[in-house]
C-alpha atoms as a PDB file:
ATOM      1  CA  MET A   1       0.000   0.000   0.000  1.00  0.00           C
ATOM      2  CA  ALA A   2       2.796   2.434   0.826  1.00  0.00           C
ATOM      3  CA  GLU A   3       4.376   1.860  -2.589  1.00  0.00           C
ATOM      4  CA  SER A   4       1.148   2.769  -4.444  1.00  0.00           C
ATOM      5  CA  ASN A   5       0.764   5.937  -2.335  1.00  0.00           C
ATOM      6  CA  ALA A   6       4.346   6.926  -3.157  1.00  0.00           C
ATOM      7  CA  VAL A   7       3.716   6.355  -6.872  1.00  0.00           C
ATOM      8  CA  ALA A   8       0.518   8.436  -6.690  1.00  0.00           C
ATOM      9  CA  GLU A   9       2.493  11.293  -5.111  1.00  0.00           C
ATOM     10  CA  ILE A  10       5.172  11.071  -7.801  1.00  0.00           C
ATOM     11  CA  GLU A  11       2.488  11.236 -10.503  1.00  0.00           C
ATOM     12  CA  LYS A  12       1.399  14.624  -9.067  1.00  0.00           C
ATOM     13  CA  VAL A  13       4.874  15.937  -9.928  1.00  0.00           C
ATOM     14  CA  ALA A  14       3.762  16.110 -13.584  1.00  0.00           C
ATOM     15  CA  ASP A  15       1.016  18.606 -12.677  1.00  0.00           C
ATOM     16  CA  ARG A  16       3.476  20.767 -10.747  1.00  0.00           C
ATOM     17  CA  TYR A  17       5.969  20.558 -13.616  1.00  0.00           C
ATOM     18  CA  ILE A  18       3.420  21.832 -16.149  1.00  0.00           C
ATOM     19  CA  ALA A  19       2.449  24.650 -13.762  1.00  0.00           C
ATOM     20  CA  VAL A  20       6.090  25.789 -13.649  1.00  0.00           C
ATOM     21  CA  TRP A  21       6.225  26.053 -17.437  1.00  0.00           C
ATOM     22  CA  ASN A  22       2.946  28.004 -17.451  1.00  0.00           C
ATOM     23  CA  GLU A  23       3.969  30.505 -14.743  1.00  0.00           C
ATOM     24  CA  PRO A  24       4.033  33.961 -16.414  1.00  0.00           C
ATOM     25  CA  ASP A  25       5.774  35.874 -13.600  1.00  0.00           C
ATOM     26  CA  ALA A  26       9.567  35.501 -13.759  1.00  0.00           C
ATOM     27  CA  GLU A  27      10.147  35.719  -9.990  1.00  0.00           C
ATOM     28  CA  SER A  28       7.322  33.278  -9.206  1.00  0.00           C
ATOM     29  CA  ARG A  29       8.679  30.949 -11.885  1.00  0.00           C
ATOM     30  CA  ARG A  30      12.195  31.143 -10.406  1.00  0.00           C
ATOM     31  CA  GLN A  31      10.788  30.170  -7.011  1.00  0.00           C
ATOM     32  CA  ALA A  32       8.718  27.390  -8.585  1.00  0.00           C
ATOM     33  CA  VAL A  33      11.806  25.990 -10.326  1.00  0.00           C
ATOM     34  CA  ALA A  34      13.604  25.976  -6.961  1.00  0.00           C
ATOM     35  CA  GLY A  35      10.720  24.005  -5.504  1.00  0.00           C
ATOM     36  CA  MET A  36      10.536  21.652  -8.481  1.00  0.00           C
ATOM     37  CA  TRP A  37      14.193  20.672  -9.090  1.00  0.00           C
ATOM     38  CA  THR A  38      16.986  19.566  -6.824  1.00  0.00           C
ATOM     39  CA  GLU A  39      19.843  22.069  -6.592  1.00  0.00           C
ATOM     40  CA  ASP A  40      21.974  20.137  -9.085  1.00  0.00           C
ATOM     41  CA  GLY A  41      19.006  18.992 -11.189  1.00  0.00           C
ATOM     42  CA  THR A  42      19.374  18.484 -14.916  1.00  0.00           C
ATOM     43  CA  TYR A  43      17.149  19.139 -17.915  1.00  0.00           C
ATOM     44  CA  THR A  44      17.940  17.473 -21.236  1.00  0.00           C
ATOM     45  CA  ASP A  45      15.958  17.556 -24.476  1.00  0.00           C
ATOM     46  CA  PRO A  46      16.932  17.676 -28.162  1.00  0.00           C
ATOM     47  CA  LEU A  47      17.490  21.450 -27.957  1.00  0.00           C
ATOM     48  CA  ALA A  48      19.053  21.901 -24.512  1.00  0.00           C
ATOM     49  CA  ALA A  49      21.215  20.145 -21.944  1.00  0.00           C
ATOM     50  CA  VAL A  50      21.592  22.142 -18.741  1.00  0.00           C
ATOM     51  CA  GLU A  51      22.365  21.596 -15.069  1.00  0.00           C
ATOM     52  CA  GLY A  52      21.254  23.669 -12.117  1.00  0.00           C
ATOM     53  CA  ARG A  53      18.111  25.614 -11.339  1.00  0.00           C
ATOM     54  CA  GLN A  54      19.275  28.890 -12.894  1.00  0.00           C
ATOM     55  CA  ASP A  55      19.959  27.288 -16.270  1.00  0.00           C
ATOM     56  CA  ILE A  56      16.720  25.275 -16.140  1.00  0.00           C
ATOM     57  CA  GLU A  57      14.786  28.477 -15.459  1.00  0.00           C
ATOM     58  CA  GLY A  58      16.599  30.043 -18.408  1.00  0.00           C
ATOM     59  CA  VAL A  59      15.414  27.273 -20.729  1.00  0.00           C
ATOM     60  CA  ILE A  60      11.827  27.702 -19.550  1.00  0.00           C
ATOM     61  CA  ALA A  61      12.008  31.495 -19.945  1.00  0.00           C
ATOM     62  CA  GLY A  62      13.386  31.064 -23.465  1.00  0.00           C
ATOM     63  CA  VAL A  63      10.551  28.763 -24.506  1.00  0.00           C
ATOM     64  CA  ARG A  64       7.995  31.172 -23.020  1.00  0.00           C
ATOM     65  CA  GLU A  65       9.557  34.013 -25.052  1.00  0.00           C
ATOM     66  CA  GLN A  66       9.545  31.909 -28.206  1.00  0.00           C
ATOM     67  CA  PHE A  67       5.868  30.937 -27.764  1.00  0.00           C
ATOM     68  CA  PRO A  68       4.038  33.895 -26.203  1.00  0.00           C
ATOM     69  CA  GLY A  69       0.345  33.302 -25.575  1.00  0.00           C
ATOM     70  CA  HIS A  70       0.788  29.518 -25.432  1.00  0.00           C
ATOM     71  CA  VAL A  71       0.167  27.113 -22.553  1.00  0.00           C
ATOM     72  CA  PHE A  72       1.390  23.641 -21.711  1.00  0.00           C
ATOM     73  CA  ARG A  73      -1.114  20.875 -20.954  1.00  0.00           C
ATOM     74  CA  LEU A  74      -0.731  17.249 -19.969  1.00  0.00           C
ATOM     75  CA  ILE A  75      -1.904  14.667 -22.477  1.00  0.00           C
ATOM     76  CA  GLY A  76      -3.476  11.694 -20.717  1.00  0.00           C
ATOM     77  CA  ASN A  77      -2.297  10.452 -17.359  1.00  0.00           C
ATOM     78  CA  ALA A  78       1.188  10.439 -15.918  1.00  0.00           C
ATOM     79  CA  ASP A  79       2.685   7.033 -15.181  1.00  0.00           C
ATOM     80  CA  ALA A  80       5.270   6.181 -12.531  1.00  0.00           C
ATOM     81  CA  HIS A  81       7.122   3.347 -10.885  1.00  0.00           C
ATOM     82  CA  HIS A  82       9.720   3.545  -8.169  1.00  0.00           C
ATOM     83  CA  ASN A  83      11.095   7.078  -8.524  1.00  0.00           C
ATOM     84  CA  VAL A  84      10.650   7.403 -12.296  1.00  0.00           C
ATOM     85  CA  LEU A  85       7.851   9.408 -13.898  1.00  0.00           C
ATOM     86  CA  ARG A  86       6.778   9.635 -17.511  1.00  0.00           C
ATOM     87  CA  PHE A  87       4.166  11.858 -19.074  1.00  0.00           C
ATOM     88  CA  ARG A  88       3.099  13.411 -22.367  1.00  0.00           C
ATOM     89  CA  TRP A  89       2.394  17.091 -22.865  1.00  0.00           C
ATOM     90  CA  GLU A  90       1.391  19.581 -25.534  1.00  0.00           C
ATOM     91  CA  LEU A  91       1.913  23.274 -26.147  1.00  0.00           C
ATOM     92  CA  VAL A  92      -1.170  25.058 -27.459  1.00  0.00           C
ATOM     93  CA  PRO A  93      -2.133  28.659 -28.181  1.00  0.00           C
ATOM     94  CA  GLU A  94      -4.392  29.884 -25.379  1.00  0.00           C
ATOM     95  CA  GLY A  95      -8.027  29.240 -26.307  1.00  0.00           C
ATOM     96  CA  SER A  96      -7.124  26.604 -28.907  1.00  0.00           C
ATOM     97  CA  ASP A  97      -7.179  22.816 -28.968  1.00  0.00           C
ATOM     98  CA  GLU A  98      -4.599  22.469 -31.769  1.00  0.00           C
ATOM     99  CA  SER A  99      -1.116  21.781 -30.412  1.00  0.00           C
ATOM    100  CA  VAL A 100       1.960  23.291 -32.014  1.00  0.00           C
ATOM    101  CA  VAL A 101       4.416  21.132 -30.052  1.00  0.00           C
ATOM    102  CA  GLU A 102       3.998  17.765 -28.337  1.00  0.00           C
ATOM    103  CA  GLY A 103       6.474  15.875 -26.238  1.00  0.00           C
ATOM    104  CA  PHE A 104       7.181  13.031 -23.892  1.00  0.00           C
ATOM    105  CA  ASP A 105       9.196  13.505 -20.713  1.00  0.00           C
ATOM    106  CA  VAL A 106      10.807  11.101 -18.285  1.00  0.00           C
ATOM    107  CA  ALA A 107      11.789  12.418 -14.854  1.00  0.00           C
ATOM    108  CA  VAL A 108      13.815  10.930 -12.035  1.00  0.00           C
ATOM    109  CA  VAL A 109      12.224  12.125  -8.812  1.00  0.00           C
ATOM    110  CA  ALA A 110      14.187  12.504  -5.562  1.00  0.00           C
ATOM    111  CA  ASP A 111      12.812  11.481  -2.166  1.00  0.00           C
ATOM    112  CA  ASP A 112      11.611  15.048  -1.528  1.00  0.00           C
ATOM    113  CA  GLU A 113       9.491  14.908  -4.736  1.00  0.00           C
ATOM    114  CA  ARG A 114      11.802  17.265  -6.618  1.00  0.00           C
ATOM    115  CA  ILE A 115      13.115  16.369 -10.047  1.00  0.00           C
ATOM    116  CA  SER A 116      16.778  15.401 -10.106  1.00  0.00           C
ATOM    117  CA  ASP A 117      16.946  14.635 -13.833  1.00  0.00           C
ATOM    118  CA  LEU A 118      14.486  15.221 -16.647  1.00  0.00           C
ATOM    119  CA  TYR A 119      14.795  13.869 -20.187  1.00  0.00           C
ATOM    120  CA  GLY A 120      12.493  15.318 -22.828  1.00  0.00           C
ATOM    121  CA  PHE A 121      11.609  14.078 -26.291  1.00  0.00           C
ATOM    122  CA  LEU A 122       9.832  16.099 -28.977  1.00  0.00           C
ATOM    123  CA  ASP A 123       7.161  14.208 -30.903  1.00  0.00           C
ATOM    124  CA  LYS A 124       5.686  17.132 -32.832  1.00  0.00           C
ATOM    125  CA  VAL A 125       7.475  20.377 -33.684  1.00  0.00           C
ATOM    126  CA  PRO A 126       6.472  23.349 -35.831  1.00  0.00           C
ATOM    127  CA  THR A 127       7.475  23.218 -39.472  1.00  0.00           C
ATOM    128  CA  ALA A 128       8.984  26.247 -41.180  1.00  0.00           C
END
Protein backbone atom coordinates (compact mmCIF):
# COMPACT_ATOMS: atom_id res chain seq x y z
CA MET A 1 0.00 0.00 0.00
CA ALA A 2 2.80 2.43 0.83
CA GLU A 3 4.38 1.86 -2.59
CA SER A 4 1.15 2.77 -4.44
CA ASN A 5 0.76 5.94 -2.33
CA ALA A 6 4.35 6.93 -3.16
CA VAL A 7 3.72 6.36 -6.87
CA ALA A 8 0.52 8.44 -6.69
CA GLU A 9 2.49 11.29 -5.11
CA ILE A 10 5.17 11.07 -7.80
CA GLU A 11 2.49 11.24 -10.50
CA LYS A 12 1.40 14.62 -9.07
CA VAL A 13 4.87 15.94 -9.93
CA ALA A 14 3.76 16.11 -13.58
CA ASP A 15 1.02 18.61 -12.68
CA ARG A 16 3.48 20.77 -10.75
CA TYR A 17 5.97 20.56 -13.62
CA ILE A 18 3.42 21.83 -16.15
CA ALA A 19 2.45 24.65 -13.76
CA VAL A 20 6.09 25.79 -13.65
CA TRP A 21 6.23 26.05 -17.44
CA ASN A 22 2.95 28.00 -17.45
CA GLU A 23 3.97 30.50 -14.74
CA PRO A 24 4.03 33.96 -16.41
CA ASP A 25 5.77 35.87 -13.60
CA ALA A 26 9.57 35.50 -13.76
CA GLU A 27 10.15 35.72 -9.99
CA SER A 28 7.32 33.28 -9.21
CA ARG A 29 8.68 30.95 -11.89
CA ARG A 30 12.20 31.14 -10.41
CA GLN A 31 10.79 30.17 -7.01
CA ALA A 32 8.72 27.39 -8.59
CA VAL A 33 11.81 25.99 -10.33
CA ALA A 34 13.60 25.98 -6.96
CA GLY A 35 10.72 24.00 -5.50
CA MET A 36 10.54 21.65 -8.48
CA TRP A 37 14.19 20.67 -9.09
CA THR A 38 16.99 19.57 -6.82
CA GLU A 39 19.84 22.07 -6.59
CA ASP A 40 21.97 20.14 -9.09
CA GLY A 41 19.01 18.99 -11.19
CA THR A 42 19.37 18.48 -14.92
CA TYR A 43 17.15 19.14 -17.92
CA THR A 44 17.94 17.47 -21.24
CA ASP A 45 15.96 17.56 -24.48
CA PRO A 46 16.93 17.68 -28.16
CA LEU A 47 17.49 21.45 -27.96
CA ALA A 48 19.05 21.90 -24.51
CA ALA A 49 21.21 20.14 -21.94
CA VAL A 50 21.59 22.14 -18.74
CA GLU A 51 22.37 21.60 -15.07
CA GLY A 52 21.25 23.67 -12.12
CA ARG A 53 18.11 25.61 -11.34
CA GLN A 54 19.28 28.89 -12.89
CA ASP A 55 19.96 27.29 -16.27
CA ILE A 56 16.72 25.27 -16.14
CA GLU A 57 14.79 28.48 -15.46
CA GLY A 58 16.60 30.04 -18.41
CA VAL A 59 15.41 27.27 -20.73
CA ILE A 60 11.83 27.70 -19.55
CA ALA A 61 12.01 31.49 -19.95
CA GLY A 62 13.39 31.06 -23.46
CA VAL A 63 10.55 28.76 -24.51
CA ARG A 64 7.99 31.17 -23.02
CA GLU A 65 9.56 34.01 -25.05
CA GLN A 66 9.55 31.91 -28.21
CA PHE A 67 5.87 30.94 -27.76
CA PRO A 68 4.04 33.89 -26.20
CA GLY A 69 0.35 33.30 -25.57
CA HIS A 70 0.79 29.52 -25.43
CA VAL A 71 0.17 27.11 -22.55
CA PHE A 72 1.39 23.64 -21.71
CA ARG A 73 -1.11 20.87 -20.95
CA LEU A 74 -0.73 17.25 -19.97
CA ILE A 75 -1.90 14.67 -22.48
CA GLY A 76 -3.48 11.69 -20.72
CA ASN A 77 -2.30 10.45 -17.36
CA ALA A 78 1.19 10.44 -15.92
CA ASP A 79 2.68 7.03 -15.18
CA ALA A 80 5.27 6.18 -12.53
CA HIS A 81 7.12 3.35 -10.88
CA HIS A 82 9.72 3.55 -8.17
CA ASN A 83 11.09 7.08 -8.52
CA VAL A 84 10.65 7.40 -12.30
CA LEU A 85 7.85 9.41 -13.90
CA ARG A 86 6.78 9.63 -17.51
CA PHE A 87 4.17 11.86 -19.07
CA ARG A 88 3.10 13.41 -22.37
CA TRP A 89 2.39 17.09 -22.87
CA GLU A 90 1.39 19.58 -25.53
CA LEU A 91 1.91 23.27 -26.15
CA VAL A 92 -1.17 25.06 -27.46
CA PRO A 93 -2.13 28.66 -28.18
CA GLU A 94 -4.39 29.88 -25.38
CA GLY A 95 -8.03 29.24 -26.31
CA SER A 96 -7.12 26.60 -28.91
CA ASP A 97 -7.18 22.82 -28.97
CA GLU A 98 -4.60 22.47 -31.77
CA SER A 99 -1.12 21.78 -30.41
CA VAL A 100 1.96 23.29 -32.01
CA VAL A 101 4.42 21.13 -30.05
CA GLU A 102 4.00 17.76 -28.34
CA GLY A 103 6.47 15.88 -26.24
CA PHE A 104 7.18 13.03 -23.89
CA ASP A 105 9.20 13.51 -20.71
CA VAL A 106 10.81 11.10 -18.28
CA ALA A 107 11.79 12.42 -14.85
CA VAL A 108 13.82 10.93 -12.04
CA VAL A 109 12.22 12.13 -8.81
CA ALA A 110 14.19 12.50 -5.56
CA ASP A 111 12.81 11.48 -2.17
CA ASP A 112 11.61 15.05 -1.53
CA GLU A 113 9.49 14.91 -4.74
CA ARG A 114 11.80 17.26 -6.62
CA ILE A 115 13.11 16.37 -10.05
CA SER A 116 16.78 15.40 -10.11
CA ASP A 117 16.95 14.64 -13.83
CA LEU A 118 14.49 15.22 -16.65
CA TYR A 119 14.79 13.87 -20.19
CA GLY A 120 12.49 15.32 -22.83
CA PHE A 121 11.61 14.08 -26.29
CA LEU A 122 9.83 16.10 -28.98
CA ASP A 123 7.16 14.21 -30.90
CA LYS A 124 5.69 17.13 -32.83
CA VAL A 125 7.47 20.38 -33.68
CA PRO A 126 6.47 23.35 -35.83
CA THR A 127 7.47 23.22 -39.47
CA ALA A 128 8.98 26.25 -41.18
